[in-house]
Amino acid sequence: MTRSKGSLQLSQAEIERFVVAAEALHLSTAKPYISPHCEHYRQTRVLHEVLLKAVREVTGKEAAFI
């Protein structure tokens, strides 16, 4: 049995699902009201920056949900 090769990039439908999931993740990290001085806050900010970068690289534009 041979493996099929994956495609080189996401389809438009997959990109749209990715952006919807990214928005949900954004809301889950941005919604909690916690002190900006705690470690959890700093880590959610790190995750948020990586998320925005991924959206920018996959879609070629800034995240519309920001």
C-alpha atoms as a PDB file:
ATOM      1  CA  MET A   1       0.000   0.000   0.000  1.00  0.00           C
ATOM      2  CA  THR A   2       1.422   3.366  -0.983  1.00  0.00           C
ATOM      3  CA  ARG A   3       0.968   6.674   0.711  1.00  0.00           C
ATOM      4  CA  SER A   4      -0.514   9.536  -1.209  1.00  0.00           C
ATOM      5  CA  LYS A   5       1.346  12.803  -1.128  1.00  0.00           C
ATOM      6  CA  GLY A   6      -0.272  15.660   0.728  1.00  0.00           C
ATOM      7  CA  SER A   7      -1.068  18.824  -1.116  1.00  0.00           C
ATOM      8  CA  LEU A   8       1.425  21.668  -1.012  1.00  0.00           C
ATOM      9  CA  GLN A   9      -1.010  24.137   0.500  1.00  0.00           C
ATOM     10  CA  LEU A  10      -4.427  24.415   2.089  1.00  0.00           C
ATOM     11  CA  SER A  11      -7.515  24.731  -0.067  1.00  0.00           C
ATOM     12  CA  GLN A  12      -9.641  27.864   0.224  1.00  0.00           C
ATOM     13  CA  ALA A  13     -12.203  25.942   2.297  1.00  0.00           C
ATOM     14  CA  GLU A  14      -9.448  24.722   4.639  1.00  0.00           C
ATOM     15  CA  ILE A  15      -8.103  28.258   4.989  1.00  0.00           C
ATOM     16  CA  GLU A  16     -11.577  29.501   5.889  1.00  0.00           C
ATOM     17  CA  ARG A  17     -11.930  26.767   8.544  1.00  0.00           C
ATOM     18  CA  PHE A  18      -8.456  27.640   9.852  1.00  0.00           C
ATOM     19  CA  VAL A  19      -9.414  31.314  10.225  1.00  0.00           C
ATOM     20  CA  VAL A  20     -12.642  30.400  12.046  1.00  0.00           C
ATOM     21  CA  ALA A  21     -10.679  28.172  14.440  1.00  0.00           C
ATOM     22  CA  ALA A  22      -8.038  30.878  14.895  1.00  0.00           C
ATOM     23  CA  GLU A  23     -10.738  33.390  15.795  1.00  0.00           C
ATOM     24  CA  ALA A  24     -12.164  30.990  18.387  1.00  0.00           C
ATOM     25  CA  LEU A  25      -8.697  30.521  19.877  1.00  0.00           C
ATOM     26  CA  HIS A  26      -8.169  34.291  19.876  1.00  0.00           C
ATOM     27  CA  LEU A  27     -11.403  34.797  21.792  1.00  0.00           C
ATOM     28  CA  SER A  28     -10.505  32.117  24.323  1.00  0.00           C
ATOM     29  CA  THR A  29      -7.127  33.742  25.028  1.00  0.00           C
ATOM     30  CA  ALA A  30      -8.302  37.354  24.943  1.00  0.00           C
ATOM     31  CA  LYS A  31     -11.476  36.958  26.995  1.00  0.00           C
ATOM     32  CA  PRO A  32     -10.163  35.975  30.451  1.00  0.00           C
ATOM     33  CA  TYR A  33      -9.596  39.052  32.565  1.00  0.00           C
ATOM     34  CA  ILE A  34      -6.383  38.297  34.421  1.00  0.00           C
ATOM     35  CA  SER A  35      -3.599  40.470  35.750  1.00  0.00           C
ATOM     36  CA  PRO A  36      -1.043  41.466  33.119  1.00  0.00           C
ATOM     37  CA  HIS A  37       1.642  40.781  35.717  1.00  0.00           C
ATOM     38  CA  CYS A  38       0.989  37.042  36.001  1.00  0.00           C
ATOM     39  CA  GLU A  39       2.714  34.285  34.021  1.00  0.00           C
ATOM     40  CA  HIS A  40      -0.558  33.021  32.516  1.00  0.00           C
ATOM     41  CA  TYR A  41      -1.206  36.431  30.977  1.00  0.00           C
ATOM     42  CA  ARG A  42       2.271  36.574  29.457  1.00  0.00           C
ATOM     43  CA  GLN A  43       1.904  33.102  27.980  1.00  0.00           C
ATOM     44  CA  THR A  44      -1.494  33.894  26.447  1.00  0.00           C
ATOM     45  CA  ARG A  45       0.114  36.954  24.820  1.00  0.00           C
ATOM     46  CA  VAL A  46       2.887  34.763  23.377  1.00  0.00           C
ATOM     47  CA  LEU A  47       0.272  32.365  22.004  1.00  0.00           C
ATOM     48  CA  HIS A  48      -1.715  35.271  20.603  1.00  0.00           C
ATOM     49  CA  GLU A  49       1.292  36.669  18.707  1.00  0.00           C
ATOM     50  CA  VAL A  50       2.100  33.254  17.227  1.00  0.00           C
ATOM     51  CA  LEU A  51      -1.550  32.834  16.231  1.00  0.00           C
ATOM     52  CA  LEU A  52      -1.602  36.197  14.434  1.00  0.00           C
ATOM     53  CA  LYS A  53       1.634  35.366  12.631  1.00  0.00           C
ATOM     54  CA  ALA A  54       0.232  32.008  11.502  1.00  0.00           C
ATOM     55  CA  VAL A  55      -2.957  33.626  10.197  1.00  0.00           C
ATOM     56  CA  ARG A  56      -0.876  36.221   8.338  1.00  0.00           C
ATOM     57  CA  GLU A  57       1.346  33.545   6.763  1.00  0.00           C
ATOM     58  CA  VAL A  58      -1.498  31.204   5.787  1.00  0.00           C
ATOM     59  CA  THR A  59      -3.904  33.817   4.447  1.00  0.00           C
ATOM     60  CA  GLY A  60      -1.456  36.463   3.242  1.00  0.00           C
ATOM     61  CA  LYS A  61      -3.297  39.189   5.162  1.00  0.00           C
ATOM     62  CA  GLU A  62      -3.891  40.426   8.684  1.00  0.00           C
ATOM     63  CA  ALA A  63      -6.450  38.667  10.860  1.00  0.00           C
ATOM     64  CA  ALA A  64      -9.847  40.278  10.313  1.00  0.00           C
ATOM     65  CA  PHE A  65     -11.029  39.328  13.810  1.00  0.00           C
ATOM     66  CA  ILE A  66      -8.605  41.724  15.525  1.00  0.00           C
END
